[in-house]
Amino acid sequence: MSIGGDMHGEAAVNKTLGYGLLLMCAWSRVGHAQSLPTLRGQSLAGGVVSLPSDLNGRVGIFVVGFSRRSAESGKGWGKAIAEAYAHDPQVAYYDVPVLAAVPSFMRGAVLRRMRRSIPAADQAHVVPVLQDAASWKDAVHFGAADDAYIVVVNRTGGIEWRMHGFMTPVSRLALIDTVRALEARTAVAGRRVHLAGSLGVAALTLY
C-alpha cells in the first residue's frame, strides 16, 4: 500500500472517529430531555407561531442567535436545513433571533432591517424572541454570544441534540442522522397510536 493510501485511510478513520465523538458529545450534553422554552410570537411574515404546540408531532430544528454577528455562523446552518427539509412534512424548522436585549425603541428598526434582508419565502420560518432570553440561553447551553446555536427537538418539544458555531461537514451529518432517528421514532409512535385506535374500535364492536 502506498504512503498516500495510508494517509487517505488514516484520514477516513479520523473523520469517522471525529463524527462519532461529535455525535456522542452532542447527545451527552442533553442528558435528561430538557424542553424547548414556550414561545408565542409573530413570524416576520406576520403569522402567529406558538411553540412547541405548532410542531404538531413533527421534529423541530431551531437556529438560535443572540447577537447580530451570530448570523454569520447561522447562515450556513439555515441554508442547509432549508434545503434538506423544506418539503419534509415530518420536520418543522425555525430561525429564532433573540432580541430581548435590544432596547424596545430600537426593535422596530431591527425587525424592518431583518425583513429587508431575508427573502419573503423564508420569513414564515423566522420568529424573533422579544423576552425571556434567559430561558433560551439555558436551553441552548449558552456560551459564546456570537455563535449560532442549533437545537433539535422531538415531537413533544423535548431537546434531543445541541450544537453551536459554524456548520462543518461532520456536524451537518450529525444533525441529519439525529433528525432521521427522530423521524423514525415518530413514525413508530404514530403506528402504535393507529394500532391502539384500531384495537379500541375492534373491541367496541364486540359489545
N, C-alpha and C. Protein backbone atom coordinates (compact mmCIF):
# COMPACT_ATOMS: atom_id res chain seq x y z
N MET A 1 0.86 -1.20 0.00
CA MET A 1 0.00 0.00 0.00
C MET A 1 0.89 1.24 0.00
N SER A 2 0.52 2.23 -0.79
CA SER A 2 1.31 3.44 -0.89
C SER A 2 1.15 4.30 0.36
N ILE A 3 2.10 5.24 0.50
CA ILE A 3 2.00 6.19 1.62
C ILE A 3 0.75 7.02 1.49
N GLY A 4 0.45 7.41 0.23
CA GLY A 4 -0.77 8.20 0.01
C GLY A 4 -2.00 7.44 0.45
N GLY A 5 -2.02 6.12 0.13
CA GLY A 5 -3.17 5.31 0.54
C GLY A 5 -3.27 5.22 2.04
N ASP A 6 -2.12 5.07 2.73
CA ASP A 6 -2.13 5.03 4.19
C ASP A 6 -2.68 6.32 4.78
N MET A 7 -2.27 7.44 4.21
CA MET A 7 -2.73 8.74 4.71
C MET A 7 -4.22 8.90 4.48
N HIS A 8 -4.68 8.43 3.29
CA HIS A 8 -6.11 8.53 2.99
C HIS A 8 -6.93 7.70 3.98
N GLY A 9 -6.43 6.47 4.24
CA GLY A 9 -7.14 5.62 5.19
C GLY A 9 -7.16 6.19 6.58
N GLU A 10 -6.03 6.76 6.98
CA GLU A 10 -5.96 7.35 8.31
C GLU A 10 -6.91 8.55 8.42
N ALA A 11 -7.00 9.35 7.35
CA ALA A 11 -7.90 10.50 7.36
C ALA A 11 -9.34 10.04 7.49
N ALA A 12 -9.67 8.94 6.78
CA ALA A 12 -11.04 8.43 6.85
C ALA A 12 -11.38 7.95 8.25
N VAL A 13 -10.41 7.24 8.87
CA VAL A 13 -10.63 6.77 10.24
C VAL A 13 -10.80 7.94 11.19
N ASN A 14 -9.94 8.95 11.05
CA ASN A 14 -10.03 10.12 11.92
C ASN A 14 -11.36 10.83 11.75
N LYS A 15 -11.82 10.92 10.48
CA LYS A 15 -13.11 11.57 10.23
C LYS A 15 -14.24 10.80 10.89
N THR A 16 -14.20 9.46 10.76
CA THR A 16 -15.25 8.63 11.37
C THR A 16 -15.24 8.76 12.88
N LEU A 17 -14.04 8.72 13.47
CA LEU A 17 -13.93 8.85 14.91
C LEU A 17 -14.40 10.24 15.36
N GLY A 18 -14.03 11.25 14.58
CA GLY A 18 -14.44 12.60 14.92
C GLY A 18 -15.95 12.75 14.90
N TYR A 19 -16.58 12.16 13.87
CA TYR A 19 -18.04 12.21 13.79
C TYR A 19 -18.68 11.50 14.97
N GLY A 20 -18.15 10.31 15.30
CA GLY A 20 -18.71 9.57 16.42
C GLY A 20 -18.60 10.33 17.72
N LEU A 21 -17.44 10.95 17.96
CA LEU A 21 -17.26 11.74 19.17
C LEU A 21 -18.18 12.95 19.19
N LEU A 22 -18.34 13.58 18.02
CA LEU A 22 -19.21 14.76 17.94
C LEU A 22 -20.65 14.38 18.27
N LEU A 23 -21.12 13.29 17.70
CA LEU A 23 -22.49 12.86 17.95
C LEU A 23 -22.68 12.45 19.40
N MET A 24 -21.69 11.74 19.97
CA MET A 24 -21.80 11.32 21.37
C MET A 24 -21.80 12.53 22.30
N CYS A 25 -20.94 13.51 22.01
CA CYS A 25 -20.88 14.71 22.86
C CYS A 25 -22.16 15.49 22.78
N ALA A 26 -22.71 15.60 21.56
CA ALA A 26 -23.95 16.35 21.40
C ALA A 26 -25.08 15.70 22.18
N TRP A 27 -25.16 14.38 22.11
CA TRP A 27 -26.21 13.68 22.84
C TRP A 27 -25.95 13.71 24.34
N SER A 28 -24.70 13.61 24.75
CA SER A 28 -24.41 13.57 26.18
C SER A 28 -24.72 14.89 26.85
N ARG A 29 -24.62 15.98 26.10
CA ARG A 29 -24.94 17.28 26.68
C ARG A 29 -26.42 17.39 27.00
N VAL A 30 -27.26 16.61 26.31
CA VAL A 30 -28.70 16.71 26.54
C VAL A 30 -29.08 16.06 27.86
N GLY A 31 -28.56 14.83 28.09
CA GLY A 31 -28.91 14.13 29.32
C GLY A 31 -30.41 13.87 29.34
N HIS A 32 -31.04 14.14 30.49
CA HIS A 32 -32.49 14.03 30.58
C HIS A 32 -33.10 15.15 29.74
N ALA A 33 -34.08 14.80 28.91
CA ALA A 33 -34.62 15.72 27.93
C ALA A 33 -35.14 17.00 28.57
N GLN A 34 -34.51 18.09 28.22
CA GLN A 34 -34.96 19.41 28.63
C GLN A 34 -35.92 19.90 27.56
N SER A 35 -36.93 20.65 27.95
CA SER A 35 -37.93 21.10 26.99
C SER A 35 -37.57 22.44 26.36
N LEU A 36 -38.01 22.61 25.15
CA LEU A 36 -37.88 23.89 24.47
C LEU A 36 -38.70 24.94 25.22
N PRO A 37 -38.17 26.17 25.37
CA PRO A 37 -38.97 27.21 26.02
C PRO A 37 -40.28 27.46 25.26
N THR A 38 -41.33 27.74 25.99
CA THR A 38 -42.61 28.06 25.36
C THR A 38 -42.50 29.41 24.68
N LEU A 39 -42.98 29.47 23.46
CA LEU A 39 -42.91 30.71 22.69
C LEU A 39 -44.22 30.96 21.96
N ARG A 40 -44.79 32.12 22.15
CA ARG A 40 -45.91 32.56 21.34
C ARG A 40 -45.54 33.92 20.79
N GLY A 41 -45.24 33.95 19.51
CA GLY A 41 -44.77 35.18 18.90
C GLY A 41 -45.28 35.30 17.48
N GLN A 42 -44.69 36.24 16.77
CA GLN A 42 -45.09 36.51 15.39
C GLN A 42 -43.89 36.34 14.48
N SER A 43 -44.08 35.60 13.42
CA SER A 43 -43.01 35.44 12.45
C SER A 43 -42.84 36.73 11.65
N LEU A 44 -41.74 36.83 10.94
CA LEU A 44 -41.53 38.02 10.11
C LEU A 44 -42.57 38.13 9.01
N ALA A 45 -43.22 37.01 8.68
CA ALA A 45 -44.27 37.03 7.67
C ALA A 45 -45.61 37.49 8.25
N GLY A 46 -45.66 37.64 9.58
CA GLY A 46 -46.88 38.12 10.22
C GLY A 46 -47.75 37.06 10.84
N GLY A 47 -47.41 35.80 10.66
CA GLY A 47 -48.21 34.72 11.24
C GLY A 47 -47.90 34.50 12.70
N VAL A 48 -48.91 34.06 13.45
CA VAL A 48 -48.73 33.75 14.87
C VAL A 48 -48.12 32.35 14.99
N VAL A 49 -47.07 32.25 15.78
CA VAL A 49 -46.38 30.97 15.99
C VAL A 49 -46.42 30.65 17.47
N SER A 50 -46.87 29.46 17.80
CA SER A 50 -46.94 29.01 19.18
C SER A 50 -46.15 27.71 19.31
N LEU A 51 -45.09 27.77 20.08
CA LEU A 51 -44.21 26.61 20.21
C LEU A 51 -44.15 26.15 21.66
N PRO A 52 -44.09 24.86 21.89
CA PRO A 52 -43.88 23.80 20.89
C PRO A 52 -45.15 23.23 20.27
N SER A 53 -46.34 23.78 20.59
CA SER A 53 -47.58 23.18 20.11
C SER A 53 -47.67 23.17 18.59
N ASP A 54 -47.08 24.15 17.91
CA ASP A 54 -47.15 24.19 16.45
C ASP A 54 -46.30 23.12 15.78
N LEU A 55 -45.52 22.39 16.56
CA LEU A 55 -44.79 21.28 15.96
C LEU A 55 -45.75 20.21 15.45
N ASN A 56 -46.90 20.07 16.12
CA ASN A 56 -47.92 19.12 15.67
C ASN A 56 -47.36 17.72 15.42
N GLY A 57 -46.54 17.27 16.35
CA GLY A 57 -46.00 15.92 16.22
C GLY A 57 -44.78 15.80 15.32
N ARG A 58 -44.27 16.94 14.81
CA ARG A 58 -43.11 16.90 13.93
C ARG A 58 -41.81 17.07 14.72
N VAL A 59 -40.71 16.69 14.09
CA VAL A 59 -39.39 17.00 14.62
C VAL A 59 -39.14 18.49 14.39
N GLY A 60 -38.54 19.18 15.36
CA GLY A 60 -38.28 20.61 15.23
C GLY A 60 -36.78 20.91 15.22
N ILE A 61 -36.38 21.81 14.32
CA ILE A 61 -34.98 22.26 14.27
C ILE A 61 -34.98 23.78 14.45
N PHE A 62 -34.16 24.26 15.37
CA PHE A 62 -34.12 25.68 15.68
C PHE A 62 -32.69 26.20 15.58
N VAL A 63 -32.53 27.30 14.86
CA VAL A 63 -31.25 28.01 14.80
C VAL A 63 -31.44 29.28 15.61
N VAL A 64 -30.77 29.35 16.75
CA VAL A 64 -30.99 30.42 17.71
C VAL A 64 -29.78 31.35 17.75
N GLY A 65 -30.03 32.65 17.71
CA GLY A 65 -28.93 33.62 17.76
C GLY A 65 -29.20 34.70 18.79
N PHE A 66 -28.13 35.16 19.43
CA PHE A 66 -28.27 36.17 20.48
C PHE A 66 -27.57 37.48 20.14
N SER A 67 -26.98 37.57 18.96
CA SER A 67 -26.32 38.81 18.54
C SER A 67 -26.39 38.91 17.03
N ARG A 68 -26.12 40.10 16.52
CA ARG A 68 -26.14 40.29 15.07
C ARG A 68 -25.07 39.45 14.40
N ARG A 69 -23.92 39.32 15.05
CA ARG A 69 -22.82 38.56 14.45
C ARG A 69 -23.10 37.06 14.43
N SER A 70 -24.04 36.60 15.24
CA SER A 70 -24.35 35.17 15.22
C SER A 70 -24.94 34.74 13.88
N ALA A 71 -25.45 35.71 13.12
CA ALA A 71 -25.99 35.39 11.80
C ALA A 71 -24.91 34.86 10.87
N GLU A 72 -23.65 35.21 11.13
CA GLU A 72 -22.55 34.74 10.28
C GLU A 72 -22.44 33.22 10.32
N SER A 73 -22.54 32.64 11.52
CA SER A 73 -22.46 31.18 11.62
C SER A 73 -23.83 30.54 11.42
N GLY A 74 -24.88 31.29 11.65
CA GLY A 74 -26.22 30.73 11.49
C GLY A 74 -26.65 30.60 10.04
N LYS A 75 -26.07 31.43 9.16
CA LYS A 75 -26.50 31.44 7.76
C LYS A 75 -26.27 30.09 7.09
N GLY A 76 -25.11 29.50 7.31
CA GLY A 76 -24.82 28.20 6.70
C GLY A 76 -25.76 27.11 7.20
N TRP A 77 -26.02 27.12 8.50
CA TRP A 77 -26.96 26.16 9.06
C TRP A 77 -28.35 26.34 8.46
N GLY A 78 -28.81 27.59 8.42
CA GLY A 78 -30.16 27.85 7.92
C GLY A 78 -30.34 27.41 6.48
N LYS A 79 -29.34 27.69 5.65
CA LYS A 79 -29.43 27.29 4.25
C LYS A 79 -29.47 25.78 4.10
N ALA A 80 -28.60 25.08 4.82
CA ALA A 80 -28.55 23.62 4.73
C ALA A 80 -29.84 22.99 5.23
N ILE A 81 -30.38 23.52 6.32
CA ILE A 81 -31.62 22.98 6.90
C ILE A 81 -32.79 23.19 5.95
N ALA A 82 -32.89 24.40 5.38
CA ALA A 82 -33.99 24.68 4.44
C ALA A 82 -33.90 23.78 3.21
N GLU A 83 -32.69 23.59 2.68
CA GLU A 83 -32.52 22.74 1.51
C GLU A 83 -32.90 21.29 1.81
N ALA A 84 -32.60 20.83 3.01
CA ALA A 84 -32.85 19.43 3.35
C ALA A 84 -34.30 19.16 3.75
N TYR A 85 -34.96 20.15 4.36
CA TYR A 85 -36.25 19.84 5.00
C TYR A 85 -37.42 20.73 4.57
N ALA A 86 -37.23 21.58 3.58
CA ALA A 86 -38.31 22.47 3.16
C ALA A 86 -39.56 21.70 2.73
N HIS A 87 -39.37 20.51 2.18
CA HIS A 87 -40.51 19.73 1.68
C HIS A 87 -40.73 18.45 2.49
N ASP A 88 -40.19 18.42 3.70
CA ASP A 88 -40.35 17.24 4.56
C ASP A 88 -41.50 17.51 5.54
N PRO A 89 -42.62 16.81 5.39
CA PRO A 89 -43.77 17.07 6.26
C PRO A 89 -43.57 16.66 7.71
N GLN A 90 -42.48 15.91 7.99
CA GLN A 90 -42.23 15.47 9.36
C GLN A 90 -41.32 16.41 10.13
N VAL A 91 -40.86 17.49 9.48
CA VAL A 91 -39.90 18.40 10.11
C VAL A 91 -40.38 19.84 10.02
N ALA A 92 -40.28 20.56 11.13
CA ALA A 92 -40.51 22.00 11.17
C ALA A 92 -39.22 22.67 11.58
N TYR A 93 -38.89 23.79 10.94
CA TYR A 93 -37.63 24.46 11.29
C TYR A 93 -37.87 25.97 11.41
N TYR A 94 -37.13 26.56 12.34
CA TYR A 94 -37.29 27.98 12.63
C TYR A 94 -35.94 28.63 12.91
N ASP A 95 -35.82 29.86 12.48
CA ASP A 95 -34.70 30.72 12.86
C ASP A 95 -35.22 31.60 13.99
N VAL A 96 -34.53 31.57 15.13
CA VAL A 96 -35.02 32.27 16.32
C VAL A 96 -33.99 33.31 16.77
N PRO A 97 -34.09 34.55 16.26
CA PRO A 97 -33.22 35.62 16.76
C PRO A 97 -33.75 36.13 18.10
N VAL A 98 -32.95 36.08 19.13
CA VAL A 98 -33.37 36.53 20.46
C VAL A 98 -33.03 38.02 20.58
N LEU A 99 -34.06 38.85 20.59
CA LEU A 99 -33.90 40.31 20.59
C LEU A 99 -34.26 40.94 21.93
N ALA A 100 -34.35 40.11 22.97
CA ALA A 100 -34.79 40.63 24.27
C ALA A 100 -33.85 41.71 24.80
N ALA A 101 -32.57 41.64 24.43
CA ALA A 101 -31.60 42.62 24.93
C ALA A 101 -31.62 43.92 24.13
N VAL A 102 -32.32 43.92 22.98
CA VAL A 102 -32.41 45.14 22.17
C VAL A 102 -33.40 46.10 22.81
N PRO A 103 -33.03 47.36 23.04
CA PRO A 103 -33.98 48.33 23.64
C PRO A 103 -35.28 48.39 22.83
N SER A 104 -36.39 48.48 23.52
CA SER A 104 -37.69 48.43 22.86
C SER A 104 -37.86 49.47 21.77
N PHE A 105 -37.26 50.66 21.95
CA PHE A 105 -37.42 51.71 20.94
C PHE A 105 -36.63 51.43 19.66
N MET A 106 -35.72 50.43 19.72
CA MET A 106 -34.93 50.08 18.54
C MET A 106 -35.43 48.81 17.83
N ARG A 107 -36.35 48.08 18.46
CA ARG A 107 -36.75 46.79 17.90
C ARG A 107 -37.44 46.92 16.56
N GLY A 108 -38.25 47.95 16.41
CA GLY A 108 -38.94 48.14 15.13
C GLY A 108 -37.96 48.28 13.98
N ALA A 109 -36.90 49.05 14.20
CA ALA A 109 -35.88 49.24 13.16
C ALA A 109 -35.15 47.93 12.88
N VAL A 110 -34.86 47.18 13.93
CA VAL A 110 -34.18 45.89 13.75
C VAL A 110 -35.04 44.93 12.95
N LEU A 111 -36.33 44.87 13.27
CA LEU A 111 -37.23 43.96 12.56
C LEU A 111 -37.40 44.38 11.10
N ARG A 112 -37.46 45.68 10.84
CA ARG A 112 -37.58 46.14 9.45
C ARG A 112 -36.33 45.78 8.65
N ARG A 113 -35.17 45.91 9.28
CA ARG A 113 -33.93 45.54 8.61
C ARG A 113 -33.89 44.04 8.31
N MET A 114 -34.40 43.24 9.23
CA MET A 114 -34.44 41.80 9.01
C MET A 114 -35.37 41.45 7.85
N ARG A 115 -36.51 42.11 7.78
CA ARG A 115 -37.46 41.83 6.68
C ARG A 115 -36.87 42.21 5.34
N ARG A 116 -36.08 43.27 5.30
CA ARG A 116 -35.46 43.67 4.04
C ARG A 116 -34.37 42.70 3.60
N SER A 117 -33.71 42.09 4.56
CA SER A 117 -32.56 41.23 4.22
C SER A 117 -32.92 39.76 4.04
N ILE A 118 -34.10 39.35 4.50
CA ILE A 118 -34.49 37.94 4.42
C ILE A 118 -35.54 37.77 3.32
N PRO A 119 -35.35 36.84 2.40
CA PRO A 119 -36.34 36.62 1.33
C PRO A 119 -37.74 36.37 1.90
N ALA A 120 -38.74 36.89 1.21
CA ALA A 120 -40.12 36.75 1.68
C ALA A 120 -40.52 35.29 1.89
N ALA A 121 -40.00 34.41 1.05
CA ALA A 121 -40.36 32.99 1.15
C ALA A 121 -39.85 32.35 2.43
N ASP A 122 -38.83 32.96 3.05
CA ASP A 122 -38.24 32.39 4.26
C ASP A 122 -38.77 33.03 5.55
N GLN A 123 -39.51 34.11 5.43
CA GLN A 123 -39.87 34.88 6.62
C GLN A 123 -40.83 34.18 7.56
N ALA A 124 -41.61 33.23 7.05
CA ALA A 124 -42.52 32.48 7.93
C ALA A 124 -41.75 31.59 8.90
N HIS A 125 -40.48 31.33 8.59
CA HIS A 125 -39.65 30.47 9.44
C HIS A 125 -38.81 31.26 10.43
N VAL A 126 -38.94 32.58 10.43
CA VAL A 126 -38.14 33.43 11.32
C VAL A 126 -39.06 34.00 12.40
N VAL A 127 -38.79 33.62 13.66
CA VAL A 127 -39.65 34.03 14.78
C VAL A 127 -38.79 34.72 15.84
N PRO A 128 -38.79 36.05 15.87
CA PRO A 128 -37.99 36.76 16.88
C PRO A 128 -38.53 36.54 18.29
N VAL A 129 -37.63 36.44 19.24
CA VAL A 129 -37.98 36.32 20.65
C VAL A 129 -37.71 37.68 21.31
N LEU A 130 -38.72 38.25 21.91
CA LEU A 130 -38.61 39.60 22.47
C LEU A 130 -38.52 39.62 23.99
N GLN A 131 -38.58 38.44 24.61
CA GLN A 131 -38.48 38.39 26.07
C GLN A 131 -37.99 37.00 26.49
N ASP A 132 -37.67 36.88 27.78
CA ASP A 132 -37.26 35.60 28.36
C ASP A 132 -36.02 35.02 27.68
N ALA A 133 -35.03 35.87 27.45
CA ALA A 133 -33.79 35.39 26.86
C ALA A 133 -33.11 34.35 27.74
N ALA A 134 -33.27 34.47 29.07
CA ALA A 134 -32.61 33.56 29.99
C ALA A 134 -33.02 32.11 29.75
N SER A 135 -34.30 31.89 29.46
CA SER A 135 -34.78 30.52 29.22
C SER A 135 -34.16 29.94 27.96
N TRP A 136 -34.00 30.78 26.93
CA TRP A 136 -33.40 30.30 25.69
C TRP A 136 -31.91 30.05 25.88
N LYS A 137 -31.25 30.89 26.64
CA LYS A 137 -29.83 30.67 26.91
C LYS A 137 -29.62 29.37 27.67
N ASP A 138 -30.50 29.09 28.61
CA ASP A 138 -30.41 27.85 29.36
C ASP A 138 -30.66 26.65 28.45
N ALA A 139 -31.63 26.77 27.56
CA ALA A 139 -31.99 25.65 26.69
C ALA A 139 -30.88 25.29 25.71
N VAL A 140 -30.17 26.31 25.20
CA VAL A 140 -29.13 26.04 24.21
C VAL A 140 -27.76 25.81 24.84
N HIS A 141 -27.66 25.95 26.15
CA HIS A 141 -26.37 25.90 26.86
C HIS A 141 -25.47 27.03 26.35
N PHE A 142 -25.94 28.23 26.52
CA PHE A 142 -25.29 29.43 26.00
C PHE A 142 -23.87 29.59 26.53
N GLY A 143 -22.97 29.97 25.62
CA GLY A 143 -21.59 30.22 26.00
C GLY A 143 -21.06 31.45 25.29
N ALA A 144 -20.85 31.34 23.97
CA ALA A 144 -20.31 32.43 23.17
C ALA A 144 -21.44 33.25 22.56
N ALA A 145 -21.42 34.55 22.79
CA ALA A 145 -22.51 35.43 22.36
C ALA A 145 -22.68 35.47 20.85
N ASP A 146 -21.59 35.31 20.11
CA ASP A 146 -21.66 35.46 18.66
C ASP A 146 -21.78 34.14 17.91
N ASP A 147 -22.01 33.06 18.62
CA ASP A 147 -22.25 31.77 17.98
C ASP A 147 -23.73 31.61 17.64
N ALA A 148 -24.01 30.86 16.59
CA ALA A 148 -25.36 30.37 16.36
C ALA A 148 -25.51 29.06 17.14
N TYR A 149 -26.70 28.83 17.68
CA TYR A 149 -26.96 27.62 18.46
C TYR A 149 -28.04 26.81 17.74
N ILE A 150 -27.77 25.54 17.52
CA ILE A 150 -28.70 24.68 16.80
C ILE A 150 -29.26 23.67 17.78
N VAL A 151 -30.57 23.58 17.79
CA VAL A 151 -31.27 22.69 18.72
C VAL A 151 -32.26 21.83 17.92
N VAL A 152 -32.24 20.53 18.16
CA VAL A 152 -33.21 19.62 17.56
C VAL A 152 -34.10 19.08 18.68
N VAL A 153 -35.41 19.15 18.46
CA VAL A 153 -36.36 18.69 19.49
C VAL A 153 -37.23 17.58 18.92
N ASN A 154 -37.74 16.75 19.82
CA ASN A 154 -38.65 15.69 19.40
C ASN A 154 -40.06 16.25 19.24
N ARG A 155 -41.01 15.38 18.93
CA ARG A 155 -42.36 15.83 18.58
C ARG A 155 -43.12 16.46 19.74
N THR A 156 -42.63 16.30 20.97
CA THR A 156 -43.27 16.94 22.12
C THR A 156 -42.49 18.15 22.63
N GLY A 157 -41.40 18.51 21.92
CA GLY A 157 -40.63 19.69 22.32
C GLY A 157 -39.45 19.39 23.21
N GLY A 158 -39.17 18.12 23.48
CA GLY A 158 -38.01 17.76 24.29
C GLY A 158 -36.73 17.89 23.49
N ILE A 159 -35.72 18.51 24.05
CA ILE A 159 -34.46 18.74 23.34
C ILE A 159 -33.66 17.44 23.26
N GLU A 160 -33.28 17.08 22.03
CA GLU A 160 -32.57 15.83 21.80
C GLU A 160 -31.13 16.05 21.34
N TRP A 161 -30.81 17.23 20.83
CA TRP A 161 -29.47 17.45 20.26
C TRP A 161 -29.16 18.94 20.24
N ARG A 162 -27.92 19.28 20.55
CA ARG A 162 -27.48 20.68 20.53
C ARG A 162 -26.13 20.78 19.82
N MET A 163 -25.92 21.92 19.19
CA MET A 163 -24.61 22.22 18.61
C MET A 163 -24.52 23.74 18.53
N HIS A 164 -23.30 24.27 18.37
CA HIS A 164 -23.16 25.72 18.21
C HIS A 164 -21.96 26.03 17.35
N GLY A 165 -21.93 27.26 16.82
CA GLY A 165 -20.83 27.68 15.96
C GLY A 165 -21.12 27.40 14.50
N PHE A 166 -20.07 27.51 13.68
CA PHE A 166 -20.22 27.29 12.24
C PHE A 166 -20.48 25.82 11.93
N MET A 167 -21.26 25.59 10.89
CA MET A 167 -21.53 24.24 10.44
C MET A 167 -20.29 23.68 9.76
N THR A 168 -20.01 22.41 10.01
CA THR A 168 -18.95 21.67 9.33
C THR A 168 -19.58 20.45 8.67
N PRO A 169 -18.89 19.80 7.75
CA PRO A 169 -19.45 18.57 7.17
C PRO A 169 -19.79 17.52 8.23
N VAL A 170 -18.98 17.44 9.27
CA VAL A 170 -19.22 16.46 10.33
C VAL A 170 -20.46 16.83 11.15
N SER A 171 -20.58 18.10 11.54
CA SER A 171 -21.74 18.50 12.35
C SER A 171 -23.02 18.44 11.52
N ARG A 172 -22.92 18.72 10.22
CA ARG A 172 -24.09 18.62 9.35
C ARG A 172 -24.58 17.17 9.30
N LEU A 173 -23.65 16.24 9.16
CA LEU A 173 -24.01 14.82 9.14
C LEU A 173 -24.63 14.39 10.46
N ALA A 174 -24.10 14.90 11.57
CA ALA A 174 -24.65 14.57 12.89
C ALA A 174 -26.09 15.07 13.01
N LEU A 175 -26.36 16.27 12.50
CA LEU A 175 -27.72 16.81 12.52
C LEU A 175 -28.66 15.93 11.70
N ILE A 176 -28.25 15.58 10.50
CA ILE A 176 -29.09 14.77 9.62
C ILE A 176 -29.39 13.42 10.26
N ASP A 177 -28.39 12.78 10.84
CA ASP A 177 -28.59 11.48 11.48
C ASP A 177 -29.53 11.59 12.67
N THR A 178 -29.42 12.68 13.44
CA THR A 178 -30.30 12.88 14.59
C THR A 178 -31.74 13.04 14.14
N VAL A 179 -31.95 13.85 13.11
CA VAL A 179 -33.31 14.07 12.60
C VAL A 179 -33.88 12.78 12.03
N ARG A 180 -33.05 12.03 11.31
CA ARG A 180 -33.52 10.77 10.73
C ARG A 180 -33.97 9.80 11.83
N ALA A 181 -33.20 9.73 12.90
CA ALA A 181 -33.57 8.84 14.00
C ALA A 181 -34.87 9.28 14.66
N LEU A 182 -35.05 10.58 14.82
CA LEU A 182 -36.27 11.09 15.45
C LEU A 182 -37.48 10.89 14.53
N GLU A 183 -37.28 11.06 13.23
CA GLU A 183 -38.38 10.80 12.29
C GLU A 183 -38.81 9.35 12.38
N ALA A 184 -37.85 8.44 12.47
CA ALA A 184 -38.18 7.02 12.57
C ALA A 184 -38.94 6.75 13.86
N ARG A 185 -38.49 7.37 14.95
CA ARG A 185 -39.16 7.19 16.24
C ARG A 185 -40.59 7.73 16.18
N THR A 186 -40.77 8.88 15.53
CA THR A 186 -42.10 9.48 15.39
C THR A 186 -43.01 8.59 14.58
N ALA A 187 -42.47 7.99 13.51
CA ALA A 187 -43.27 7.09 12.68
C ALA A 187 -43.73 5.88 13.46
N VAL A 188 -42.85 5.32 14.28
CA VAL A 188 -43.20 4.17 15.11
C VAL A 188 -44.29 4.55 16.10
N ALA A 189 -44.16 5.71 16.72
CA ALA A 189 -45.17 6.17 17.68
C ALA A 189 -46.51 6.36 16.99
N GLY A 190 -46.49 6.87 15.77
CA GLY A 190 -47.73 7.06 15.03
C GLY A 190 -48.41 5.75 14.72
N ARG A 191 -47.61 4.74 14.35
CA ARG A 191 -48.19 3.42 14.08
C ARG A 191 -48.79 2.80 15.34
N ARG A 192 -48.14 3.03 16.48
CA ARG A 192 -48.68 2.50 17.73
C ARG A 192 -50.02 3.14 18.07
N VAL A 193 -50.11 4.46 17.87
CA VAL A 193 -51.37 5.15 18.14
C VAL A 193 -52.46 4.63 17.22
N HIS A 194 -52.11 4.45 15.94
CA HIS A 194 -53.09 3.94 14.97
C HIS A 194 -53.54 2.54 15.35
N LEU A 195 -52.58 1.69 15.75
CA LEU A 195 -52.91 0.33 16.14
C LEU A 195 -53.80 0.31 17.37
N ALA A 196 -53.46 1.17 18.36
CA ALA A 196 -54.27 1.24 19.58
C ALA A 196 -55.69 1.67 19.26
N GLY A 197 -55.81 2.64 18.34
CA GLY A 197 -57.14 3.10 17.94
C GLY A 197 -57.92 2.00 17.24
N SER A 198 -57.23 1.26 16.37
CA SER A 198 -57.89 0.16 15.66
C SER A 198 -58.35 -0.92 16.62
N LEU A 199 -57.50 -1.26 17.60
CA LEU A 199 -57.87 -2.26 18.59
C LEU A 199 -59.04 -1.79 19.44
N GLY A 200 -59.06 -0.48 19.73
CA GLY A 200 -60.17 0.06 20.51
C GLY A 200 -61.48 -0.06 19.77
N VAL A 201 -61.45 0.27 18.48
CA VAL A 201 -62.66 0.16 17.66
C VAL A 201 -63.10 -1.29 17.56
N ALA A 202 -62.12 -2.18 17.37
CA ALA A 202 -62.44 -3.61 17.27
C ALA A 202 -63.07 -4.11 18.57
N ALA A 203 -62.55 -3.64 19.69
CA ALA A 203 -63.10 -4.08 20.98
C ALA A 203 -64.53 -3.59 21.16
N LEU A 204 -64.80 -2.35 20.70
CA LEU A 204 -66.15 -1.80 20.84
C LEU A 204 -67.17 -2.59 20.02
N THR A 205 -66.73 -3.14 18.89
CA THR A 205 -67.65 -3.86 18.02
C THR A 205 -68.04 -5.21 18.64
N LEU A 206 -67.32 -5.65 19.66
CA LEU A 206 -67.64 -6.93 20.28
C LEU A 206 -68.79 -6.81 21.26
N TYR A 207 -69.17 -5.57 21.60
CA TYR A 207 -70.22 -5.38 22.61
C TYR A 207 -71.45 -4.73 21.98
